[in-house]
């Protein structure tokens, strides 16, 4: 239950930030062009609002033609109770509010519908633009604060552990990836896992001596599902020994490399755990490497199959490369990560229109599961930046009800010099909202079905 609350808390916080920034993009563009914004809400507020504030109105200002000028004081600001999104209600615009009464009145100079097409276009892409900028700023902040620390793949001599699906296509635990499509792997690239999952061929080092080239299908990434494709194998190096426990009694020390229990090789910690469980409470031997020598020591694991030591961190085992970024250096890195993430995400959508792709669609549960079950700011900001990229791209799709649908109609007007009628816009909004509602029900229903399996 605690992990669910932590995941849910991270999701709500991320949605609050992403939605507010998205709607603020529309708001800013509308205000730049003198368009009246009637409401600005974080989250939806059917029937009632958690917080609502309307600024006191001062003297009404007029432009040089004697028309009333829009002001930030015209806007009702608030927080709704339904955290499924947010909205700005822009005067004179056909949106989810479907305010037909306002549209039936004579247009005002400060309304969206009377503004030039290029201004309306800017207003509609404002949310998408702000979400993309937010992702870049988050990535820049991560680069500046945490830097970029990584283990060169070819230096991880114990290789990688692979998912079940990856092994079905020829990967073996312990393989060290060397080449992608015939080119050497650059471990410094942030999207290295994506490149591996999208590769046509991967060359690996197997058993420390043999090179093997694996040919992968075009839909390999989709076949992987939601399993982690691969992760660094963690060899068993002793960090700290607990006094009075089996490891201390056997004489284990900091830096010892445990390679076997009895005659069972233990190249990774999970394999060590499995071996110790088999010898729980029994006298056996532990084989270690210390200063280039192999030593065999008698040991008796606890009844719970424990030796009593702390595992050395993987970054203390393998050589690492640390890249630090200054404040100004972090911005180009943020732009690079933002553009790379967007390109990779768009590329991955080609699988969406397959049976497996449709089955992989998820709702808020799937999104929440992206976050770790323990609060970690590094992971939070990384995932939130990725979600900001997704929100930007999904909103620009040419679907009525989304920003991209409005953009499509404005582009039609710019090309044909003919403005679609308000009746067409209203019916398109109905169709788009119905489609999005069905998609929302399907995605979250799929989450429920997966949870019940």
Protein backbone atom coordinates (compact mmCIF):
# COMPACT_ATOMS: atom_id res chain seq x y z
CA UNK A 1 0.00 0.00 0.00
CA UNK A 2 2.84 2.40 0.85
CA UNK A 3 4.49 1.88 -2.55
CA UNK A 4 1.15 2.56 -4.30
CA UNK A 5 0.76 5.83 -2.39
CA UNK A 6 4.32 6.87 -3.25
CA UNK A 7 3.79 6.08 -6.94
CA UNK A 8 0.44 7.87 -6.88
CA UNK A 9 1.92 10.90 -5.16
CA UNK A 10 4.66 11.19 -7.75
CA UNK A 11 2.14 10.83 -10.58
CA UNK A 12 -0.18 13.53 -9.20
CA UNK A 13 2.74 15.91 -8.61
CA UNK A 14 4.04 15.32 -12.14
CA UNK A 15 0.60 15.80 -13.69
CA UNK A 16 0.08 19.01 -11.72
CA UNK A 17 3.35 20.40 -13.05
CA UNK A 18 2.89 19.20 -16.65
CA UNK A 19 -0.73 20.31 -16.96
CA UNK A 20 -0.08 23.71 -15.40
CA UNK A 21 2.85 24.38 -17.73
CA UNK A 22 0.86 23.19 -20.75
CA UNK A 23 -2.12 25.41 -20.00
CA UNK A 24 0.18 28.29 -19.08
CA UNK A 25 1.60 28.06 -22.61
CA UNK A 26 -1.87 28.66 -24.06
CA UNK A 27 -2.51 31.40 -21.51
CA UNK A 28 0.72 33.29 -22.26
CA UNK A 29 0.18 33.19 -26.02
CA UNK A 30 -3.42 34.35 -25.62
CA UNK A 31 -2.38 37.27 -23.43
CA UNK A 32 0.41 38.26 -25.84
CA UNK A 33 -2.20 38.74 -28.57
CA UNK A 34 -4.73 40.45 -26.30
CA UNK A 35 -7.17 37.54 -26.16
CA UNK A 36 -9.38 37.26 -23.10
CA UNK A 37 -8.89 34.14 -20.97
CA UNK A 38 -11.96 33.48 -18.84
CA UNK A 39 -10.65 30.53 -16.75
CA UNK A 40 -7.27 28.96 -15.96
CA UNK A 41 -7.58 25.69 -14.03
CA UNK A 42 -5.17 23.05 -12.88
CA UNK A 43 -7.19 19.80 -12.93
CA UNK A 44 -10.85 19.66 -13.88
CA UNK A 45 -13.58 21.12 -11.70
CA UNK A 46 -16.98 19.59 -12.54
CA UNK A 47 -19.60 20.87 -10.06
CA UNK A 48 -17.10 22.51 -7.70
CA UNK A 49 -13.50 23.71 -7.28
CA UNK A 50 -11.00 23.11 -4.48
CA UNK A 51 -9.57 26.59 -4.90
CA UNK A 52 -10.97 29.52 -6.85
CA UNK A 53 -9.72 33.10 -7.14
CA UNK A 54 -11.02 35.96 -9.22
CA UNK A 55 -8.87 39.14 -9.09
CA UNK A 56 -10.51 42.41 -8.23
CA UNK A 57 -11.33 44.37 -11.35
CA UNK A 58 -9.90 47.82 -11.71
CA UNK A 59 -10.76 50.47 -14.27
CA UNK A 60 -11.54 49.00 -17.69
CA UNK A 61 -8.98 49.94 -20.32
CA UNK A 62 -9.73 50.62 -23.98
CA UNK A 63 -7.62 50.50 -27.12
CA UNK A 64 -7.24 53.36 -29.59
CA UNK A 65 -10.43 52.26 -31.40
CA UNK A 66 -12.46 52.44 -28.19
CA UNK A 67 -12.69 48.66 -27.76
CA UNK A 68 -12.38 47.07 -24.32
CA UNK A 69 -8.94 45.53 -23.76
CA UNK A 70 -8.55 42.09 -22.18
CA UNK A 71 -6.66 41.88 -18.88
CA UNK A 72 -5.23 39.16 -16.68
CA UNK A 73 -7.86 40.27 -14.17
CA UNK A 74 -10.59 38.88 -16.44
CA UNK A 75 -9.46 35.35 -15.61
CA UNK A 76 -10.79 33.06 -12.89
CA UNK A 77 -7.87 31.02 -11.53
CA UNK A 78 -8.46 27.75 -9.71
CA UNK A 79 -7.63 24.15 -8.83
CA UNK A 80 -10.11 21.42 -9.64
CA UNK A 81 -10.61 18.17 -7.75
CA UNK A 82 -10.32 15.75 -10.70
CA UNK A 83 -6.61 15.24 -11.57
CA UNK A 84 -7.15 14.09 -15.16
CA UNK A 85 -5.89 17.24 -16.83
CA UNK A 86 -6.55 20.97 -16.79
CA UNK A 87 -7.81 23.72 -19.06
CA UNK A 88 -7.93 27.36 -20.02
CA UNK A 89 -11.25 28.75 -21.27
CA UNK A 90 -10.41 31.23 -24.01
CA UNK A 91 -13.16 33.66 -25.02
CA UNK A 92 -14.62 32.98 -28.45
CA UNK A 93 -13.00 29.60 -28.95
CA UNK A 94 -14.71 26.27 -29.68
CA UNK A 95 -13.24 24.02 -26.98
CA UNK A 96 -14.30 21.37 -24.49
CA UNK A 97 -16.62 23.84 -22.75
CA UNK A 98 -18.78 24.03 -25.93
CA UNK A 99 -20.10 27.43 -24.85
CA UNK A 100 -22.67 27.89 -27.63
CA UNK A 101 -24.30 30.89 -25.92
CA UNK A 102 -21.10 32.92 -26.14
CA UNK A 103 -20.51 31.86 -29.73
CA UNK A 104 -24.08 32.97 -30.65
CA UNK A 105 -23.31 36.57 -29.54
CA UNK A 106 -21.65 39.12 -31.81
CA UNK A 107 -17.86 38.63 -31.67
CA UNK A 108 -15.80 40.94 -29.45
CA UNK A 109 -12.39 42.35 -30.47
CA UNK A 110 -10.70 40.44 -27.64
CA UNK A 111 -12.09 37.04 -28.67
CA UNK A 112 -10.08 34.18 -30.14
CA UNK A 113 -12.34 33.78 -33.20
CA UNK A 114 -11.70 37.31 -34.54
CA UNK A 115 -7.91 37.15 -34.31
CA UNK A 116 -5.73 36.50 -37.39
CA UNK A 117 -5.03 32.86 -38.18
CA UNK A 118 -1.32 33.09 -37.31
CA UNK A 119 -2.18 34.38 -33.83
CA UNK A 120 -4.67 31.57 -33.25
CA UNK A 121 -2.04 29.11 -34.44
CA UNK A 122 0.46 30.45 -31.89
CA UNK A 123 -2.12 30.14 -29.11
CA UNK A 124 -2.83 26.51 -30.00
CA UNK A 125 0.80 25.40 -30.17
CA UNK A 126 1.68 27.30 -26.98
CA UNK A 127 0.95 24.34 -24.69
CA UNK A 128 2.96 21.88 -26.75
CA UNK A 129 5.85 24.33 -27.02
CA UNK A 130 5.93 24.95 -23.27
CA UNK A 131 5.88 21.20 -22.50
CA UNK A 132 8.83 20.63 -24.80
CA UNK A 133 10.72 23.55 -23.27
CA UNK A 134 9.94 22.17 -19.79
CA UNK A 135 11.45 18.79 -20.74
CA UNK A 136 14.61 20.50 -22.01
CA UNK A 137 14.92 22.54 -18.80
CA UNK A 138 14.44 19.44 -16.64
CA UNK A 139 17.08 17.52 -18.59
CA UNK A 140 19.41 20.52 -18.33
CA UNK A 141 18.82 20.67 -14.57
CA UNK A 142 19.59 16.96 -14.23
CA UNK A 143 22.84 17.40 -16.19
CA UNK A 144 23.85 20.41 -14.09
CA UNK A 145 22.95 18.96 -10.67
CA UNK A 146 23.76 15.26 -11.05
CA UNK A 147 26.02 15.22 -14.08
CA UNK A 148 26.29 12.10 -16.18
CA UNK A 149 27.93 9.05 -14.60
CA UNK A 150 28.07 5.81 -16.53
CA UNK A 151 29.91 2.51 -16.77
CA UNK A 152 31.38 1.83 -20.23
CA UNK A 153 29.64 -1.35 -21.37
CA UNK A 154 32.85 -2.94 -22.59
CA UNK A 155 34.37 -2.48 -19.11
CA UNK A 156 31.60 -4.49 -17.45
CA UNK A 157 33.53 -7.73 -17.81
CA UNK A 158 30.83 -9.87 -16.18
CA UNK A 159 28.44 -8.71 -18.88
CA UNK A 160 24.69 -8.14 -18.65
CA UNK A 161 21.62 -9.96 -17.46
CA UNK A 162 18.87 -10.11 -20.09
CA UNK A 163 15.10 -10.38 -19.94
CA UNK A 164 13.34 -13.61 -20.83
CA UNK A 165 12.22 -12.23 -24.19
CA UNK A 166 15.74 -11.01 -25.03
CA UNK A 167 17.11 -14.48 -24.27
CA UNK A 168 14.48 -15.98 -26.59
CA UNK A 169 16.11 -14.06 -29.44
CA UNK A 170 19.64 -15.25 -28.69
CA UNK A 171 21.02 -13.12 -25.87
CA UNK A 172 22.65 -14.98 -22.99
CA UNK A 173 23.27 -13.75 -19.46
CA UNK A 174 26.88 -12.63 -19.28
CA UNK A 175 27.01 -11.36 -22.88
CA UNK A 176 28.81 -8.01 -23.29
CA UNK A 177 27.33 -5.92 -26.13
CA UNK A 178 30.09 -4.63 -28.39
CA UNK A 179 28.50 -3.41 -31.63
CA UNK A 180 25.14 -2.19 -32.93
CA UNK A 181 24.54 -2.73 -36.66
CA UNK A 182 28.26 -3.21 -37.14
CA UNK A 183 29.32 -0.02 -35.32
CA UNK A 184 31.03 0.14 -31.93
CA UNK A 185 28.76 1.02 -29.01
CA UNK A 186 29.09 4.49 -27.51
CA UNK A 187 28.23 3.97 -23.81
CA UNK A 188 28.01 7.72 -23.19
CA UNK A 189 24.81 8.01 -25.24
CA UNK A 190 21.72 8.40 -23.09
CA UNK A 191 19.56 6.31 -25.42
CA UNK A 192 21.85 3.30 -25.66
CA UNK A 193 19.14 0.87 -24.49
CA UNK A 194 16.76 2.25 -27.10
CA UNK A 195 19.40 1.81 -29.82
CA UNK A 196 20.01 -1.79 -28.75
CA UNK A 197 16.30 -2.60 -28.70
CA UNK A 198 15.86 -1.09 -32.19
CA UNK A 199 18.98 -2.63 -33.71
CA UNK A 200 18.90 -4.96 -36.70
CA UNK A 201 21.95 -6.77 -35.36
CA UNK A 202 23.94 -6.76 -32.11
CA UNK A 203 27.42 -8.22 -31.70
CA UNK A 204 28.25 -9.50 -28.22
CA UNK A 205 31.27 -10.92 -26.43
CA UNK A 206 30.33 -14.32 -24.98
CA UNK A 207 32.26 -16.32 -22.38
CA UNK A 208 34.96 -13.59 -22.40
CA UNK A 209 36.40 -14.98 -25.64
CA UNK A 210 33.84 -15.50 -28.43
CA UNK A 211 32.08 -12.83 -30.50
CA UNK A 212 28.54 -13.62 -31.64
CA UNK A 213 26.33 -11.52 -33.92
CA UNK A 214 22.59 -11.71 -33.26
CA UNK A 215 20.08 -10.77 -35.97
CA UNK A 216 16.96 -9.20 -34.46
CA UNK A 217 13.43 -8.77 -35.89
CA UNK A 218 12.05 -5.34 -36.75
CA UNK A 219 9.56 -5.54 -33.89
CA UNK A 220 12.11 -6.68 -31.31
CA UNK A 221 11.48 -3.66 -29.07
CA UNK A 222 7.77 -4.42 -29.05
CA UNK A 223 8.46 -8.09 -28.27
CA UNK A 224 10.37 -7.01 -25.16
CA UNK A 225 7.17 -5.66 -23.65
CA UNK A 226 7.62 -3.87 -20.34
CA UNK A 227 10.49 -6.01 -19.11
CA UNK A 228 13.85 -4.34 -18.61
CA UNK A 229 15.79 -5.38 -21.73
CA UNK A 230 19.09 -5.73 -19.93
CA UNK A 231 20.92 -4.64 -16.80
CA UNK A 232 24.49 -4.76 -15.59
CA UNK A 233 25.42 -8.01 -13.88
CA UNK A 234 26.50 -7.27 -10.33
CA UNK A 235 29.46 -9.49 -9.38
CA UNK A 236 29.65 -10.29 -5.68
CA UNK A 237 32.25 -8.07 -4.02
CA UNK A 238 32.24 -7.65 -0.25
CA UNK A 239 31.96 -4.10 1.05
CA UNK A 240 31.39 -4.37 4.83
CA UNK A 241 31.29 -7.51 6.96
CA UNK A 242 28.83 -7.75 9.86
CA UNK A 243 30.59 -8.74 13.08
CA UNK A 244 29.68 -12.14 14.50
CA UNK A 245 28.00 -13.34 11.30
CA UNK A 246 29.06 -16.17 8.99
CA UNK A 247 31.16 -13.95 6.67
CA UNK A 248 33.17 -12.53 9.58
CA UNK A 249 33.70 -15.99 11.09
CA UNK A 250 34.92 -17.30 7.73
CA UNK A 251 37.43 -14.44 7.47
CA UNK A 252 35.92 -12.49 4.56
CA UNK A 253 37.25 -8.93 4.10
CA UNK A 254 36.41 -5.74 2.23
CA UNK A 255 37.14 -6.20 -1.48
CA UNK A 256 36.86 -9.99 -1.54
CA UNK A 257 35.27 -11.32 -4.71
CA UNK A 258 32.98 -14.29 -4.00
CA UNK A 259 33.00 -16.61 -7.01
CA UNK A 260 31.47 -19.86 -5.70
CA UNK A 261 29.58 -21.54 -2.86
CA UNK A 262 30.64 -25.18 -2.58
CA UNK A 263 30.96 -26.18 -6.27
CA UNK A 264 28.28 -23.74 -7.49
CA UNK A 265 29.62 -20.74 -9.41
CA UNK A 266 28.13 -17.42 -8.28
CA UNK A 267 29.00 -14.75 -10.87
CA UNK A 268 26.06 -12.57 -9.78
CA UNK A 269 24.37 -11.70 -6.50
CA UNK A 270 21.03 -13.42 -7.36
CA UNK A 271 22.96 -16.63 -8.10
CA UNK A 272 24.78 -16.29 -4.78
CA UNK A 273 21.47 -15.88 -2.97
CA UNK A 274 20.10 -19.02 -4.64
CA UNK A 275 23.20 -21.03 -3.71
CA UNK A 276 23.16 -19.84 -0.10
CA UNK A 277 19.49 -20.79 0.20
CA UNK A 278 20.39 -24.35 -0.81
CA UNK A 279 23.07 -24.47 1.93
CA UNK A 280 21.14 -22.58 4.62
CA UNK A 281 22.27 -23.72 8.07
CA UNK A 282 24.78 -26.21 6.61
CA UNK A 283 28.55 -26.37 6.61
CA UNK A 284 29.99 -25.63 3.16
CA UNK A 285 32.78 -23.65 1.52
CA UNK A 286 33.05 -20.22 -0.06
CA UNK A 287 35.56 -19.53 -2.85
CA UNK A 288 36.88 -15.99 -3.12
CA UNK A 289 39.41 -14.05 -5.14
CA UNK A 290 41.71 -11.81 -3.09
CA UNK A 291 44.77 -9.98 -4.44
CA UNK A 292 44.87 -12.22 -7.51
CA UNK A 293 44.66 -15.47 -5.55
CA UNK A 294 41.81 -17.91 -5.09
CA UNK A 295 41.03 -18.92 -1.53
CA UNK A 296 38.61 -21.57 -0.30
CA UNK A 297 37.19 -21.04 3.21
CA UNK A 298 34.79 -23.06 5.35
CA UNK A 299 31.52 -21.22 6.02
CA UNK A 300 28.12 -21.90 7.54
CA UNK A 301 25.31 -19.67 6.19
CA UNK A 302 22.56 -18.72 8.60
CA UNK A 303 19.28 -20.61 8.70
CA UNK A 304 17.93 -17.85 6.44
CA UNK A 305 20.71 -18.42 3.91
CA UNK A 306 22.70 -15.26 4.76
CA UNK A 307 26.44 -14.66 5.18
CA UNK A 308 26.19 -11.25 6.79
CA UNK A 309 27.90 -8.69 4.55
CA UNK A 310 27.06 -5.63 2.51
CA UNK A 311 27.41 -5.82 -1.26
CA UNK A 312 29.82 -3.37 -2.88
CA UNK A 313 28.16 -0.80 -5.15
CA UNK A 314 28.53 -1.59 -8.84
CA UNK A 315 30.15 1.81 -9.49
CA UNK A 316 32.90 0.81 -7.06
CA UNK A 317 33.46 -2.46 -8.93
CA UNK A 318 33.63 -1.33 -12.54
CA UNK A 319 35.46 1.77 -13.81
CA UNK A 320 33.11 4.70 -14.34
CA UNK A 321 33.19 7.85 -16.41
CA UNK A 322 31.82 11.01 -14.78
CA UNK A 323 30.84 13.95 -16.97
CA UNK A 324 30.11 17.20 -15.15
CA UNK A 325 28.30 20.11 -16.76
CA UNK A 326 28.53 23.76 -15.84
CA UNK A 327 25.38 25.86 -15.66
CA UNK A 328 25.60 27.09 -19.24
CA UNK A 329 26.96 23.77 -20.55
CA UNK A 330 23.89 21.98 -19.21
CA UNK A 331 21.50 23.72 -21.64
CA UNK A 332 22.95 22.21 -24.85
CA UNK A 333 22.87 18.83 -23.08
CA UNK A 334 19.23 19.42 -22.16
CA UNK A 335 18.38 20.27 -25.77
CA UNK A 336 20.22 17.15 -26.98
CA UNK A 337 18.37 14.89 -24.53
CA UNK A 338 15.01 16.53 -25.28
CA UNK A 339 15.39 16.14 -29.05
CA UNK A 340 16.77 12.59 -28.77
CA UNK A 341 13.95 11.52 -26.46
CA UNK A 342 11.32 13.02 -28.77
CA UNK A 343 12.83 11.33 -31.84
CA UNK A 344 13.04 7.96 -30.08
CA UNK A 345 9.48 8.21 -28.81
CA UNK A 346 8.09 9.10 -32.23
CA UNK A 347 10.09 6.24 -33.77
CA UNK A 348 8.68 3.76 -31.26
CA UNK A 349 5.08 4.69 -32.15
CA UNK A 350 5.29 2.73 -35.39
CA UNK A 351 4.54 -0.34 -33.25
CA UNK A 352 1.36 1.20 -31.85
CA UNK A 353 -0.76 0.13 -34.83
CA UNK A 354 -0.05 -3.56 -34.38
CA UNK A 355 -2.01 -6.04 -32.24
CA UNK A 356 0.79 -6.17 -29.67
CA UNK A 357 1.05 -2.39 -29.68
CA UNK A 358 -2.67 -1.93 -29.03
CA UNK A 359 -2.47 -4.42 -26.17
CA UNK A 360 0.40 -2.47 -24.60
CA UNK A 361 -1.61 0.77 -24.28
CA UNK A 362 -2.02 1.79 -20.66
CA UNK A 363 -3.70 4.49 -18.63
CA UNK A 364 -2.88 6.24 -15.39
CA UNK A 365 -1.93 2.97 -13.72
CA UNK A 366 0.70 2.23 -16.36
CA UNK A 367 2.03 5.77 -16.13
CA UNK A 368 2.17 5.61 -12.34
CA UNK A 369 4.10 2.33 -12.52
CA UNK A 370 6.85 4.13 -14.40
CA UNK A 371 7.78 5.80 -11.11
CA UNK A 372 9.81 3.90 -8.47
CA UNK A 373 8.13 2.68 -5.27
CA UNK A 374 10.60 4.75 -3.25
CA UNK A 375 10.84 8.50 -3.62
CA UNK A 376 13.89 9.34 -5.69
CA UNK A 377 14.23 12.85 -7.14
CA UNK A 378 16.60 11.79 -9.92
CA UNK A 379 14.11 9.20 -11.19
CA UNK A 380 11.17 11.54 -10.64
CA UNK A 381 12.64 14.30 -12.80
CA UNK A 382 13.81 11.90 -15.52
CA UNK A 383 10.38 10.30 -15.84
CA UNK A 384 8.57 13.64 -15.61
CA UNK A 385 10.71 15.06 -18.44
CA UNK A 386 9.84 12.00 -20.53
CA UNK A 387 6.12 12.43 -19.79
CA UNK A 388 6.38 16.09 -20.78
CA UNK A 389 7.75 14.97 -24.15
CA UNK A 390 4.87 12.48 -24.52
CA UNK A 391 2.28 15.12 -23.57
CA UNK A 392 3.73 17.54 -26.11
CA UNK A 393 3.69 15.03 -28.95
CA UNK A 394 0.29 13.49 -28.18
CA UNK A 395 -1.34 16.92 -27.99
CA UNK A 396 -0.07 17.95 -31.41
CA UNK A 397 -1.67 14.94 -33.12
CA UNK A 398 -4.34 16.12 -35.60
CA UNK A 399 -7.27 14.82 -33.57
CA UNK A 400 -10.27 17.10 -32.87
CA UNK A 401 -10.38 17.85 -29.16
CA UNK A 402 -6.59 18.03 -28.95
CA UNK A 403 -4.42 21.03 -29.75
CA UNK A 404 -3.41 19.34 -32.99
CA UNK A 405 -7.04 19.25 -34.12
CA UNK A 406 -7.32 23.02 -33.72
CA UNK A 407 -3.98 23.45 -35.47
CA UNK A 408 -5.26 21.34 -38.38
CA UNK A 409 -8.26 23.62 -38.92
CA UNK A 410 -6.12 26.77 -38.71
CA UNK A 411 -3.67 25.34 -41.24
CA UNK A 412 -6.61 24.51 -43.52
CA UNK A 413 -7.70 28.13 -43.25
CA UNK A 414 -4.21 29.44 -44.01
CA UNK A 415 -3.93 27.22 -47.09
CA UNK A 416 -7.44 27.60 -48.53
CA UNK A 417 -8.15 31.13 -47.26
CA UNK A 418 -11.48 29.74 -46.06
CA UNK A 419 -12.39 29.57 -42.40
CA UNK A 420 -14.34 26.46 -41.26
CA UNK A 421 -17.78 27.30 -39.90
CA UNK A 422 -18.38 27.25 -36.17
CA UNK A 423 -20.88 24.43 -36.76
CA UNK A 424 -18.14 22.26 -38.30
CA UNK A 425 -15.80 23.08 -35.41
CA UNK A 426 -18.45 22.18 -32.82
CA UNK A 427 -19.29 18.83 -34.43
CA UNK A 428 -15.59 18.04 -34.81
CA UNK A 429 -15.15 18.82 -31.10
CA UNK A 430 -17.97 16.40 -30.24
CA UNK A 431 -16.38 13.62 -32.31
CA UNK A 432 -12.90 14.27 -30.90
CA UNK A 433 -14.09 14.33 -27.29
CA UNK A 434 -16.02 11.08 -27.78
CA UNK A 435 -12.94 9.41 -29.28
CA UNK A 436 -10.68 10.63 -26.47
CA UNK A 437 -13.17 9.48 -23.83
CA UNK A 438 -13.31 5.99 -25.38
CA UNK A 439 -9.51 5.89 -25.54
CA UNK A 440 -9.32 6.92 -21.87
CA UNK A 441 -11.76 4.17 -20.87
CA UNK A 442 -9.91 1.57 -22.98
CA UNK A 443 -6.46 2.50 -21.63
CA UNK A 444 -7.50 2.50 -17.98
CA UNK A 445 -9.62 -0.62 -18.49
CA UNK A 446 -6.53 -2.36 -19.86
CA UNK A 447 -4.69 -1.37 -16.66
CA UNK A 448 -7.41 -2.96 -14.56
CA UNK A 449 -7.40 -6.18 -16.63
CA UNK A 450 -3.60 -6.47 -16.34
CA UNK A 451 -3.79 -5.87 -12.58
CA UNK A 452 -6.35 -8.66 -12.15
CA UNK A 453 -4.31 -11.23 -14.06
